[in-house]
PDB file of N, CA and C in Angstrom:
ATOM      1  N   UNK A   1     167.544  77.396 156.117  1.00  0.00           N
ATOM      2  CA  UNK A   1     166.144  77.781 155.890  1.00  0.00           C
ATOM      3  C   UNK A   1     165.822  79.075 156.637  1.00  0.00           C
ATOM      4  N   UNK A   2     166.325  79.174 157.843  1.00  0.00           N
ATOM      5  CA  UNK A   2     166.072  80.382 158.641  1.00  0.00           C
ATOM      6  C   UNK A   2     166.657  81.619 157.962  1.00  0.00           C
ATOM      7  N   UNK A   3     167.827  81.437 157.316  1.00  0.00           N
ATOM      8  CA  UNK A   3     168.477  82.556 156.635  1.00  0.00           C
ATOM      9  C   UNK A   3     167.606  83.070 155.503  1.00  0.00           C
ATOM     10  N   UNK A   4     167.000  82.149 154.745  1.00  0.00           N
ATOM     11  CA  UNK A   4     166.132  82.533 153.623  1.00  0.00           C
ATOM     12  C   UNK A   4     164.921  83.300 154.137  1.00  0.00           C
ATOM     13  N   UNK A   5     164.343  82.816 155.234  1.00  0.00           N
ATOM     14  CA  UNK A   5     163.172  83.474 155.820  1.00  0.00           C
ATOM     15  C   UNK A   5     163.538  84.876 156.296  1.00  0.00           C
ATOM     16  N   UNK A   6     164.730  85.014 156.876  1.00  0.00           N
ATOM     17  CA  UNK A   6     165.186  86.320 157.375  1.00  0.00           C
ATOM     18  C   UNK A   6     165.365  87.310 156.233  1.00  0.00           C
ATOM     19  N   UNK A   7     166.006  86.856 155.154  1.00  0.00           N
ATOM     20  CA  UNK A   7     166.233  87.723 153.990  1.00  0.00           C
ATOM     21  C   UNK A   7     164.910  88.111 153.353  1.00  0.00           C
ATOM     22  N   UNK A   8     164.002  87.140 153.211  1.00  0.00           N
ATOM     23  CA  UNK A   8     162.694  87.406 152.616  1.00  0.00           C
ATOM     24  C   UNK A   8     161.914  88.393 153.471  1.00  0.00           C
ATOM     25  N   UNK A   9     162.006  88.229 154.781  1.00  0.00           N
ATOM     26  CA  UNK A   9     161.317  89.131 155.706  1.00  0.00           C
ATOM     27  C   UNK A   9     161.865  90.554 155.596  1.00  0.00           C
ATOM     28  N   UNK A  10     163.185  90.668 155.465  1.00  0.00           N
ATOM     29  CA  UNK A  10     163.813  91.982 155.355  1.00  0.00           C
ATOM     30  C   UNK A  10     163.382  92.677 154.067  1.00  0.00           C
ATOM     31  N   UNK A  11     163.349  91.933 152.962  1.00  0.00           N
ATOM     32  CA  UNK A  11     162.928  92.497 151.675  1.00  0.00           C
ATOM     33  C   UNK A  11     161.468  92.923 151.729  1.00  0.00           C
ATOM     34  N   UNK A  12     160.644  92.096 152.369  1.00  0.00           N
ATOM     35  CA  UNK A  12     159.218  92.389 152.473  1.00  0.00           C
ATOM     36  C   UNK A  12     159.007  93.656 153.299  1.00  0.00           C
ATOM     37  N   UNK A  13     159.765  93.781 154.389  1.00  0.00           N
ATOM     38  CA  UNK A  13     159.652  94.954 155.250  1.00  0.00           C
ATOM     39  C   UNK A  13     160.094  96.206 154.503  1.00  0.00           C
ATOM     40  N   UNK A  14     161.184  96.107 153.730  1.00  0.00           N
ATOM     41  CA  UNK A  14     161.702  97.251 152.971  1.00  0.00           C
ATOM     42  C   UNK A  14     160.694  97.673 151.900  1.00  0.00           C
ATOM     43  N   UNK A  15     160.093  96.672 151.235  1.00  0.00           N
ATOM     44  CA  UNK A  15     159.094  96.963 150.207  1.00  0.00           C
ATOM     45  C   UNK A  15     157.872  97.625 150.832  1.00  0.00           C
ATOM     46  N   UNK A  16     157.484  97.146 152.015  1.00  0.00           N
ATOM     47  CA  UNK A  16     156.328  97.702 152.716  1.00  0.00           C
ATOM     48  C   UNK A  16     156.586  99.160 153.097  1.00  0.00           C
ATOM     49  N   UNK A  17     157.781  99.433 153.576  1.00  0.00           N
ATOM     50  CA  UNK A  17     158.124 100.805 153.967  1.00  0.00           C
ATOM     51  C   UNK A  17     158.106 101.739 152.760  1.00  0.00           C
ATOM     52  N   UNK A  18     158.639 101.261 151.630  1.00  0.00           N
ATOM     53  CA  UNK A  18     158.651 102.058 150.401  1.00  0.00           C
ATOM     54  C   UNK A  18     157.225 102.338 149.937  1.00  0.00           C
ATOM     55  N   UNK A  19     156.355 101.339 150.039  1.00  0.00           N
ATOM     56  CA  UNK A  19     154.962 101.494 149.622  1.00  0.00           C
ATOM     57  C   UNK A  19     154.269 102.530 150.501  1.00  0.00           C
ATOM     58  N   UNK A  20     154.527 102.478 151.800  1.00  0.00           N
ATOM     59  CA  UNK A  20     153.925 103.443 152.725  1.00  0.00           C
ATOM     60  C   UNK A  20     154.420 104.849 152.413  1.00  0.00           C
ATOM     61  N   UNK A  21     155.722 104.992 152.163  1.00  0.00           N
ATOM     62  CA  UNK A  21     156.289 106.307 151.849  1.00  0.00           C
ATOM     63  C   UNK A  21     155.689 106.867 150.566  1.00  0.00           C
ATOM     64  N   UNK A  22     155.530 106.020 149.553  1.00  0.00           N
ATOM     65  CA  UNK A  22     154.946 106.464 148.289  1.00  0.00           C
ATOM     66  C   UNK A  22     153.502 106.895 148.494  1.00  0.00           C
ATOM     67  N   UNK A  23     152.770 106.141 149.311  1.00  0.00           N
ATOM     68  CA  UNK A  23     151.367 106.472 149.584  1.00  0.00           C
ATOM     69  C   UNK A  23     151.270 107.826 150.278  1.00  0.00           C
ATOM     70  N   UNK A  24     152.144 108.050 151.251  1.00  0.00           N
ATOM     71  CA  UNK A  24     152.136 109.316 151.995  1.00  0.00           C
ATOM     72  C   UNK A  24     152.503 110.475 151.077  1.00  0.00           C
ATOM     73  N   UNK A  25     153.501 110.276 150.226  1.00  0.00           N
ATOM     74  CA  UNK A  25     153.968 111.341 149.334  1.00  0.00           C
ATOM     75  C   UNK A  25     152.924 111.672 148.264  1.00  0.00           C
ATOM     76  N   UNK A  26     152.233 110.664 147.768  1.00  0.00           N
ATOM     77  CA  UNK A  26     151.272 110.866 146.679  1.00  0.00           C
ATOM     78  C   UNK A  26     149.944 111.424 147.175  1.00  0.00           C
ATOM     79  N   UNK A  27     149.680 111.242 148.456  1.00  0.00           N
ATOM     80  CA  UNK A  27     148.390 111.703 148.979  1.00  0.00           C
ATOM     81  C   UNK A  27     148.358 113.217 149.088  1.00  0.00           C
TER      82      UNK A  27
END
C-alpha cells in the first residue's frame, strides 16, 4: 500500500510541476 501511495505522490508532484511550468511559460 505504501508503494502505491509513493508512486501516486510522485506522479502528482510531477504533474504539479508541469502545470506550474506551463503557467509560468504562458503568462
